[in-house]
Amino acid sequence: MIEVGSHTVLVFIKMQFLGQWSRFALTLGIGYQVTKGGQLIVVTEDENAAKTTYWFRLSDGHEVWVVEDVVHIPAVCIKSAPGDQSKCRG
């Protein structure tokens, strides 16, 4: 799928996929497609080990590509906060 619009590329240490996503293999990585109501949480770490959490909202059909520790997101974050803000959900 060709994604037109704003994109973000981050080196990550952790990601959480909230909502309904499907996963598929790429030649060099893994792809994830939103099937219903996708929210993505990405945690990064800088050279001083300081973590930052980013939140993204993605529409149905949008794809996120992961190649090693780099995530390609067809959106701009809606929020960011210092530290690892990802939470376990049950």
PDB file of N, CA and C in Angstrom:
ATOM      1  N   MET A   1       0.844  -1.178   0.000  1.00  0.00           N
ATOM      2  CA  MET A   1       0.000   0.000   0.000  1.00  0.00           C
ATOM      3  C   MET A   1       0.888   1.240   0.000  1.00  0.00           C
ATOM      4  N   ILE A   2       0.552   2.218  -0.805  1.00  0.00           N
ATOM      5  CA  ILE A   2       1.277   3.485  -0.823  1.00  0.00           C
ATOM      6  C   ILE A   2       0.579   4.436   0.138  1.00  0.00           C
ATOM      7  N   GLU A   3       1.313   4.905   1.139  1.00  0.00           N
ATOM      8  CA  GLU A   3       0.774   5.829   2.129  1.00  0.00           C
ATOM      9  C   GLU A   3       1.151   7.256   1.734  1.00  0.00           C
ATOM     10  N   VAL A   4       0.172   8.113   1.549  1.00  0.00           N
ATOM     11  CA  VAL A   4       0.405   9.506   1.202  1.00  0.00           C
ATOM     12  C   VAL A   4       0.076  10.358   2.420  1.00  0.00           C
ATOM     13  N   GLY A   5       0.977  11.260   2.776  1.00  0.00           N
ATOM     14  CA  GLY A   5       0.735  12.144   3.913  1.00  0.00           C
ATOM     15  C   GLY A   5       1.920  12.159   4.844  1.00  0.00           C
ATOM     16  N   SER A   6       1.684  12.639   6.063  1.00  0.00           N
ATOM     17  CA  SER A   6       2.745  12.762   7.064  1.00  0.00           C
ATOM     18  C   SER A   6       3.178  11.395   7.573  1.00  0.00           C
ATOM     19  N   HIS A   7       4.476  11.256   7.835  1.00  0.00           N
ATOM     20  CA  HIS A   7       5.046  10.007   8.351  1.00  0.00           C
ATOM     21  C   HIS A   7       6.025  10.318   9.481  1.00  0.00           C
ATOM     22  N   THR A   8       6.243   9.327  10.325  1.00  0.00           N
ATOM     23  CA  THR A   8       7.242   9.410  11.388  1.00  0.00           C
ATOM     24  C   THR A   8       8.078   8.140  11.342  1.00  0.00           C
ATOM     25  N   VAL A   9       9.389   8.277  11.529  1.00  0.00           N
ATOM     26  CA  VAL A   9      10.298   7.134  11.602  1.00  0.00           C
ATOM     27  C   VAL A   9      11.078   7.259  12.903  1.00  0.00           C
ATOM     28  N   LEU A  10      11.014   6.218  13.740  1.00  0.00           N
ATOM     29  CA  LEU A  10      11.674   6.244  15.044  1.00  0.00           C
ATOM     30  C   LEU A  10      12.480   4.969  15.274  1.00  0.00           C
ATOM     31  N   VAL A  11      13.583   5.107  15.998  1.00  0.00           N
ATOM     32  CA  VAL A  11      14.298   3.956  16.543  1.00  0.00           C
ATOM     33  C   VAL A  11      13.641   3.689  17.892  1.00  0.00           C
ATOM     34  N   PHE A  12      13.160   2.477  18.105  1.00  0.00           N
ATOM     35  CA  PHE A  12      12.363   2.195  19.304  1.00  0.00           C
ATOM     36  C   PHE A  12      13.003   1.120  20.180  1.00  0.00           C
ATOM     37  N   ILE A  13      12.542   1.100  21.445  1.00  0.00           N
ATOM     38  CA  ILE A  13      12.904  -0.001  22.335  1.00  0.00           C
ATOM     39  C   ILE A  13      11.676  -0.841  22.696  1.00  0.00           C
ATOM     40  N   LYS A  14      10.481  -0.256  22.523  1.00  0.00           N
ATOM     41  CA  LYS A  14       9.250  -0.981  22.843  1.00  0.00           C
ATOM     42  C   LYS A  14       8.089  -0.359  22.072  1.00  0.00           C
ATOM     43  N   MET A  15       7.124  -1.212  21.674  1.00  0.00           N
ATOM     44  CA  MET A  15       5.903  -0.737  21.035  1.00  0.00           C
ATOM     45  C   MET A  15       4.714  -1.499  21.595  1.00  0.00           C
ATOM     46  N   GLN A  16       3.565  -0.830  21.633  1.00  0.00           N
ATOM     47  CA  GLN A  16       2.302  -1.480  21.968  1.00  0.00           C
ATOM     48  C   GLN A  16       1.300  -1.140  20.883  1.00  0.00           C
ATOM     49  N   PHE A  17       0.611  -2.168  20.381  1.00  0.00           N
ATOM     50  CA  PHE A  17      -0.407  -2.011  19.360  1.00  0.00           C
ATOM     51  C   PHE A  17      -1.760  -2.195  20.037  1.00  0.00           C
ATOM     52  N   LEU A  18      -2.550  -1.125  20.131  1.00  0.00           N
ATOM     53  CA  LEU A  18      -3.861  -1.181  20.775  1.00  0.00           C
ATOM     54  C   LEU A  18      -4.940  -1.111  19.704  1.00  0.00           C
ATOM     55  N   GLY A  19      -6.035  -1.814  19.924  1.00  0.00           N
ATOM     56  CA  GLY A  19      -7.084  -1.922  18.913  1.00  0.00           C
ATOM     57  C   GLY A  19      -6.901  -3.245  18.181  1.00  0.00           C
ATOM     58  N   GLN A  20      -7.379  -3.305  16.968  1.00  0.00           N
ATOM     59  CA  GLN A  20      -7.279  -4.542  16.190  1.00  0.00           C
ATOM     60  C   GLN A  20      -6.289  -4.351  15.049  1.00  0.00           C
ATOM     61  N   TRP A  21      -5.253  -5.181  15.045  1.00  0.00           N
ATOM     62  CA  TRP A  21      -4.179  -5.125  14.048  1.00  0.00           C
ATOM     63  C   TRP A  21      -3.965  -6.507  13.463  1.00  0.00           C
ATOM     64  N   SER A  22      -3.540  -6.563  12.210  1.00  0.00           N
ATOM     65  CA  SER A  22      -3.076  -7.824  11.629  1.00  0.00           C
ATOM     66  C   SER A  22      -1.578  -7.683  11.369  1.00  0.00           C
ATOM     67  N   ARG A  23      -0.869  -8.790  11.425  1.00  0.00           N
ATOM     68  CA  ARG A  23       0.591  -8.790  11.241  1.00  0.00           C
ATOM     69  C   ARG A  23       0.930  -9.598   9.997  1.00  0.00           C
ATOM     70  N   PHE A  24       1.929  -9.126   9.239  1.00  0.00           N
ATOM     71  CA  PHE A  24       2.337  -9.853   8.036  1.00  0.00           C
ATOM     72  C   PHE A  24       3.838  -9.698   7.845  1.00  0.00           C
ATOM     73  N   ALA A  25       4.426 -10.639   7.123  1.00  0.00           N
ATOM     74  CA  ALA A  25       5.871 -10.634   6.882  1.00  0.00           C
ATOM     75  C   ALA A  25       6.209  -9.741   5.699  1.00  0.00           C
ATOM     76  N   LEU A  26       7.280  -8.983   5.851  1.00  0.00           N
ATOM     77  CA  LEU A  26       7.869  -8.217   4.760  1.00  0.00           C
ATOM     78  C   LEU A  26       9.188  -8.885   4.393  1.00  0.00           C
ATOM     79  N   THR A  27       9.768  -8.510   3.291  1.00  0.00           N
ATOM     80  CA  THR A  27      11.054  -9.092   2.899  1.00  0.00           C
ATOM     81  C   THR A  27      12.126  -8.823   3.943  1.00  0.00           C
ATOM     82  N   LEU A  28      12.154  -7.611   4.490  1.00  0.00           N
ATOM     83  CA  LEU A  28      13.199  -7.240   5.452  1.00  0.00           C
ATOM     84  C   LEU A  28      12.674  -6.955   6.846  1.00  0.00           C
ATOM     85  N   GLY A  29      11.413  -7.217   7.111  1.00  0.00           N
ATOM     86  CA  GLY A  29      10.882  -6.897   8.430  1.00  0.00           C
ATOM     87  C   GLY A  29       9.487  -7.443   8.622  1.00  0.00           C
ATOM     88  N   ILE A  30       8.724  -6.747   9.469  1.00  0.00           N
ATOM     89  CA  ILE A  30       7.363  -7.136   9.803  1.00  0.00           C
ATOM     90  C   ILE A  30       6.455  -5.941   9.539  1.00  0.00           C
ATOM     91  N   GLY A  31       5.260  -6.194   9.039  1.00  0.00           N
ATOM     92  CA  GLY A  31       4.276  -5.144   8.822  1.00  0.00           C
ATOM     93  C   GLY A  31       3.067  -5.384   9.701  1.00  0.00           C
ATOM     94  N   TYR A  32       2.430  -4.313  10.115  1.00  0.00           N
ATOM     95  CA  TYR A  32       1.203  -4.377  10.910  1.00  0.00           C
ATOM     96  C   TYR A  32       0.173  -3.486  10.235  1.00  0.00           C
ATOM     97  N   GLN A  33      -1.053  -3.983  10.072  1.00  0.00           N
ATOM     98  CA  GLN A  33      -2.108  -3.198   9.448  1.00  0.00           C
ATOM     99  C   GLN A  33      -3.262  -3.034  10.427  1.00  0.00           C
ATOM    100  N   VAL A  34      -3.750  -1.802  10.539  1.00  0.00           N
ATOM    101  CA  VAL A  34      -4.904  -1.530  11.397  1.00  0.00           C
ATOM    102  C   VAL A  34      -6.130  -2.137  10.746  1.00  0.00           C
ATOM    103  N   THR A  35      -6.857  -2.972  11.490  1.00  0.00           N
ATOM    104  CA  THR A  35      -8.106  -3.497  10.974  1.00  0.00           C
ATOM    105  C   THR A  35      -9.297  -2.793  11.611  1.00  0.00           C
ATOM    106  N   LYS A  36      -9.105  -2.238  12.823  1.00  0.00           N
ATOM    107  CA  LYS A  36     -10.164  -1.464  13.466  1.00  0.00           C
ATOM    108  C   LYS A  36      -9.583  -0.666  14.623  1.00  0.00           C
ATOM    109  N   GLY A  37      -9.712   0.636  14.541  1.00  0.00           N
ATOM    110  CA  GLY A  37      -9.372   1.515  15.659  1.00  0.00           C
ATOM    111  C   GLY A  37      -7.959   1.382  16.177  1.00  0.00           C
ATOM    112  N   GLY A  38      -6.963   1.713  15.380  1.00  0.00           N
ATOM    113  CA  GLY A  38      -5.576   1.496  15.780  1.00  0.00           C
ATOM    114  C   GLY A  38      -4.952   2.636  16.555  1.00  0.00           C
ATOM    115  N   GLN A  39      -4.367   2.299  17.687  1.00  0.00           N
ATOM    116  CA  GLN A  39      -3.526   3.230  18.425  1.00  0.00           C
ATOM    117  C   GLN A  39      -2.180   2.540  18.633  1.00  0.00           C
ATOM    118  N   LEU A  40      -1.114   3.300  18.440  1.00  0.00           N
ATOM    119  CA  LEU A  40       0.238   2.766  18.578  1.00  0.00           C
ATOM    120  C   LEU A  40       0.976   3.590  19.618  1.00  0.00           C
ATOM    121  N   ILE A  41       1.632   2.900  20.548  1.00  0.00           N
ATOM    122  CA  ILE A  41       2.471   3.540  21.558  1.00  0.00           C
ATOM    123  C   ILE A  41       3.906   3.097  21.292  1.00  0.00           C
ATOM    124  N   VAL A  42       4.813   4.072  21.149  1.00  0.00           N
ATOM    125  CA  VAL A  42       6.217   3.785  20.852  1.00  0.00           C
ATOM    126  C   VAL A  42       7.087   4.420  21.934  1.00  0.00           C
ATOM    127  N   VAL A  43       7.995   3.628  22.493  1.00  0.00           N
ATOM    128  CA  VAL A  43       8.951   4.131  23.488  1.00  0.00           C
ATOM    129  C   VAL A  43      10.332   4.155  22.848  1.00  0.00           C
ATOM    130  N   THR A  44      10.998   5.317  22.960  1.00  0.00           N
ATOM    131  CA  THR A  44      12.350   5.481  22.431  1.00  0.00           C
ATOM    132  C   THR A  44      13.304   5.739  23.593  1.00  0.00           C
ATOM    133  N   GLU A  45      14.597   5.632  23.296  1.00  0.00           N
ATOM    134  CA  GLU A  45      15.617   5.887  24.314  1.00  0.00           C
ATOM    135  C   GLU A  45      16.755   6.662  23.656  1.00  0.00           C
ATOM    136  N   ASP A  46      17.170   7.771  24.289  1.00  0.00           N
ATOM    137  CA  ASP A  46      18.259   8.556  23.697  1.00  0.00           C
ATOM    138  C   ASP A  46      19.617   8.058  24.190  1.00  0.00           C
ATOM    139  N   GLU A  47      20.686   8.748  23.797  1.00  0.00           N
ATOM    140  CA  GLU A  47      22.048   8.307  24.113  1.00  0.00           C
ATOM    141  C   GLU A  47      22.357   8.335  25.610  1.00  0.00           C
ATOM    142  N   ASN A  48      21.535   9.030  26.401  1.00  0.00           N
ATOM    143  CA  ASN A  48      21.723   9.074  27.855  1.00  0.00           C
ATOM    144  C   ASN A  48      20.758   8.146  28.582  1.00  0.00           C
ATOM    145  N   ALA A  49      20.105   7.274  27.864  1.00  0.00           N
ATOM    146  CA  ALA A  49      19.147   6.292  28.381  1.00  0.00           C
ATOM    147  C   ALA A  49      17.843   6.930  28.859  1.00  0.00           C
ATOM    148  N   ALA A  50      17.588   8.176  28.490  1.00  0.00           N
ATOM    149  CA  ALA A  50      16.307   8.813  28.815  1.00  0.00           C
ATOM    150  C   ALA A  50      15.253   8.319  27.830  1.00  0.00           C
ATOM    151  N   LYS A  51      14.136   7.871  28.365  1.00  0.00           N
ATOM    152  CA  LYS A  51      13.066   7.327  27.532  1.00  0.00           C
ATOM    153  C   LYS A  51      12.005   8.395  27.260  1.00  0.00           C
ATOM    154  N   THR A  52      11.370   8.282  26.085  1.00  0.00           N
ATOM    155  CA  THR A  52      10.246   9.127  25.702  1.00  0.00           C
ATOM    156  C   THR A  52       9.180   8.233  25.088  1.00  0.00           C
ATOM    157  N   THR A  53       7.922   8.497  25.434  1.00  0.00           N
ATOM    158  CA  THR A  53       6.805   7.729  24.894  1.00  0.00           C
ATOM    159  C   THR A  53       6.026   8.608  23.919  1.00  0.00           C
ATOM    160  N   TYR A  54       5.661   8.022  22.769  1.00  0.00           N
ATOM    161  CA  TYR A  54       4.892   8.710  21.739  1.00  0.00           C
ATOM    162  C   TYR A  54       3.603   7.936  21.480  1.00  0.00           C
ATOM    163  N   TRP A  55       2.498   8.650  21.278  1.00  0.00           N
ATOM    164  CA  TRP A  55       1.212   8.055  20.959  1.00  0.00           C
ATOM    165  C   TRP A  55       0.813   8.442  19.544  1.00  0.00           C
ATOM    166  N   PHE A  56       0.303   7.455  18.791  1.00  0.00           N
ATOM    167  CA  PHE A  56      -0.158   7.674  17.418  1.00  0.00           C
ATOM    168  C   PHE A  56      -1.560   7.092  17.272  1.00  0.00           C
ATOM    169  N   ARG A  57      -2.407   7.763  16.498  1.00  0.00           N
ATOM    170  CA  ARG A  57      -3.722   7.234  16.150  1.00  0.00           C
ATOM    171  C   ARG A  57      -3.712   6.983  14.649  1.00  0.00           C
ATOM    172  N   LEU A  58      -4.072   5.765  14.259  1.00  0.00           N
ATOM    173  CA  LEU A  58      -4.044   5.393  12.843  1.00  0.00           C
ATOM    174  C   LEU A  58      -5.420   4.926  12.393  1.00  0.00           C
ATOM    175  N   SER A  59      -5.742   5.249  11.154  1.00  0.00           N
ATOM    176  CA  SER A  59      -7.034   4.871  10.569  1.00  0.00           C
ATOM    177  C   SER A  59      -6.994   3.438  10.058  1.00  0.00           C
ATOM    178  N   ASP A  60      -8.161   2.855   9.936  1.00  0.00           N
ATOM    179  CA  ASP A  60      -8.286   1.495   9.400  1.00  0.00           C
ATOM    180  C   ASP A  60      -7.571   1.405   8.047  1.00  0.00           C
ATOM    181  N   GLY A  61      -6.815   0.329   7.847  1.00  0.00           N
ATOM    182  CA  GLY A  61      -6.098   0.098   6.602  1.00  0.00           C
ATOM    183  C   GLY A  61      -4.681   0.629   6.573  1.00  0.00           C
ATOM    184  N   HIS A  62      -4.322   1.520   7.487  1.00  0.00           N
ATOM    185  CA  HIS A  62      -2.950   2.032   7.509  1.00  0.00           C
ATOM    186  C   HIS A  62      -1.979   0.950   7.968  1.00  0.00           C
ATOM    187  N   GLU A  63      -0.772   0.992   7.422  1.00  0.00           N
ATOM    188  CA  GLU A  63       0.257  -0.008   7.734  1.00  0.00           C
ATOM    189  C   GLU A  63       1.433   0.632   8.446  1.00  0.00           C
ATOM    190  N   VAL A  64       1.955  -0.080   9.427  1.00  0.00           N
ATOM    191  CA  VAL A  64       3.182   0.294  10.139  1.00  0.00           C
ATOM    192  C   VAL A  64       4.210  -0.761   9.791  1.00  0.00           C
ATOM    193  N   TRP A  65       5.397  -0.331   9.381  1.00  0.00           N
ATOM    194  CA  TRP A  65       6.461  -1.269   9.021  1.00  0.00           C
ATOM    195  C   TRP A  65       7.561  -1.213  10.064  1.00  0.00           C
ATOM    196  N   VAL A  66       8.073  -2.385  10.431  1.00  0.00           N
ATOM    197  CA  VAL A  66       9.162  -2.491  11.398  1.00  0.00           C
ATOM    198  C   VAL A  66      10.320  -3.227  10.734  1.00  0.00           C
ATOM    199  N   VAL A  67      11.471  -2.570  10.687  1.00  0.00           N
ATOM    200  CA  VAL A  67      12.693  -3.161  10.139  1.00  0.00           C
ATOM    201  C   VAL A  67      13.744  -3.048  11.231  1.00  0.00           C
ATOM    202  N   GLU A  68      14.085  -4.201  11.815  1.00  0.00           N
ATOM    203  CA  GLU A  68      14.982  -4.270  12.974  1.00  0.00           C
ATOM    204  C   GLU A  68      14.411  -3.405  14.093  1.00  0.00           C
ATOM    205  N   ASP A  69      15.113  -2.353  14.524  1.00  0.00           N
ATOM    206  CA  ASP A  69      14.603  -1.527  15.621  1.00  0.00           C
ATOM    207  C   ASP A  69      14.098  -0.165  15.143  1.00  0.00           C
ATOM    208  N   VAL A  70      13.691  -0.096  13.882  1.00  0.00           N
ATOM    209  CA  VAL A  70      13.172   1.132  13.291  1.00  0.00           C
ATOM    210  C   VAL A  70      11.716   0.902  12.888  1.00  0.00           C
ATOM    211  N   VAL A  71      10.833   1.818  13.318  1.00  0.00           N
ATOM    212  CA  VAL A  71       9.420   1.719  12.966  1.00  0.00           C
ATOM    213  C   VAL A  71       9.061   2.882  12.040  1.00  0.00           C
ATOM    214  N   HIS A  72       8.329   2.546  10.977  1.00  0.00           N
ATOM    215  CA  HIS A  72       7.873   3.517   9.984  1.00  0.00           C
ATOM    216  C   HIS A  72       6.359   3.669  10.175  1.00  0.00           C
ATOM    217  N   ILE A  73       5.920   4.876  10.550  1.00  0.00           N
ATOM    218  CA  ILE A  73       4.529   5.120  10.929  1.00  0.00           C
ATOM    219  C   ILE A  73       3.927   6.168   9.993  1.00  0.00           C
ATOM    220  N   PRO A  74       2.787   5.885   9.364  1.00  0.00           N
ATOM    221  CA  PRO A  74       2.178   6.848   8.450  1.00  0.00           C
ATOM    222  C   PRO A  74       1.327   7.892   9.187  1.00  0.00           C
ATOM    223  N   ALA A  75       1.921   8.539  10.180  1.00  0.00           N
ATOM    224  CA  ALA A  75       1.213   9.551  10.975  1.00  0.00           C
ATOM    225  C   ALA A  75       2.230  10.343  11.789  1.00  0.00           C
ATOM    226  N   VAL A  76       1.762  11.443  12.346  1.00  0.00           N
ATOM    227  CA  VAL A  76       2.544  12.249  13.279  1.00  0.00           C
ATOM    228  C   VAL A  76       1.954  11.996  14.664  1.00  0.00           C
ATOM    229  N   CYS A  77       2.791  11.970  15.689  1.00  0.00           N
ATOM    230  CA  CYS A  77       2.301  11.651  17.027  1.00  0.00           C
ATOM    231  C   CYS A  77       1.257  12.669  17.489  1.00  0.00           C
ATOM    232  N   ILE A  78       0.302  12.182  18.291  1.00  0.00           N
ATOM    233  CA  ILE A  78      -0.724  13.052  18.858  1.00  0.00           C
ATOM    234  C   ILE A  78      -0.335  13.528  20.243  1.00  0.00           C
ATOM    235  N   LYS A  79       0.674  12.862  20.844  1.00  0.00           N
ATOM    236  CA  LYS A  79       1.106  13.208  22.198  1.00  0.00           C
ATOM    237  C   LYS A  79       2.453  12.557  22.453  1.00  0.00           C
ATOM    238  N   SER A  80       3.259  13.182  23.316  1.00  0.00           N
ATOM    239  CA  SER A  80       4.499  12.558  23.796  1.00  0.00           C
ATOM    240  C   SER A  80       4.673  12.916  25.266  1.00  0.00           C
ATOM    241  N   ALA A  81       5.417  12.085  25.985  1.00  0.00           N
ATOM    242  CA  ALA A  81       5.667  12.322  27.407  1.00  0.00           C
ATOM    243  C   ALA A  81       7.002  11.691  27.776  1.00  0.00           C
ATOM    244  N   PRO A  82       7.693  12.259  28.761  1.00  0.00           N
ATOM    245  CA  PRO A  82       8.961  11.664  29.193  1.00  0.00           C
ATOM    246  C   PRO A  82       8.734  10.319  29.885  1.00  0.00           C
ATOM    247  N   GLY A  83       9.723   9.453  29.781  1.00  0.00           N
ATOM    248  CA  GLY A  83       9.677   8.153  30.437  1.00  0.00           C
ATOM    249  C   GLY A  83       8.951   7.109  29.613  1.00  0.00           C
ATOM    250  N   ASP A  84       8.901   5.893  30.146  1.00  0.00           N
ATOM    251  CA  ASP A  84       8.188   4.782  29.534  1.00  0.00           C
ATOM    252  C   ASP A  84       6.767   4.797  30.087  1.00  0.00           C
ATOM    253  N   GLN A  85       5.829   5.283  29.309  1.00  0.00           N
ATOM    254  CA  GLN A  85       4.430   5.407  29.738  1.00  0.00           C
ATOM    255  C   GLN A  85       3.575   4.232  29.292  1.00  0.00           C
ATOM    256  N   SER A  86       4.188   3.227  28.664  1.00  0.00           N
ATOM    257  CA  SER A  86       3.395   2.063  28.245  1.00  0.00           C
ATOM    258  C   SER A  86       2.937   1.310  29.488  1.00  0.00           C
ATOM    259  N   LYS A  87       1.751   0.758  29.411  1.00  0.00           N
ATOM    260  CA  LYS A  87       1.158   0.059  30.552  1.00  0.00           C
ATOM    261  C   LYS A  87       0.674  -1.310  30.121  1.00  0.00           C
ATOM    262  N   CYS A  88       0.720  -2.256  31.042  1.00  0.00           N
ATOM    263  CA  CYS A  88       0.107  -3.550  30.804  1.00  0.00           C
ATOM    264  C   CYS A  88      -1.415  -3.384  30.887  1.00  0.00           C
ATOM    265  N   ARG A  89      -2.113  -4.041  30.010  1.00  0.00           N
ATOM    266  CA  ARG A  89      -3.575  -3.966  30.012  1.00  0.00           C
ATOM    267  C   ARG A  89      -4.115  -5.386  30.027  1.00  0.00           C
ATOM    268  N   GLY A  90      -5.162  -5.600  30.766  1.00  0.00           N
ATOM    269  CA  GLY A  90      -5.691  -6.946  30.849  1.00  0.00           C
ATOM    270  C   GLY A  90      -7.164  -6.998  30.683  1.00  0.00           C
TER     271      GLY A  90
END
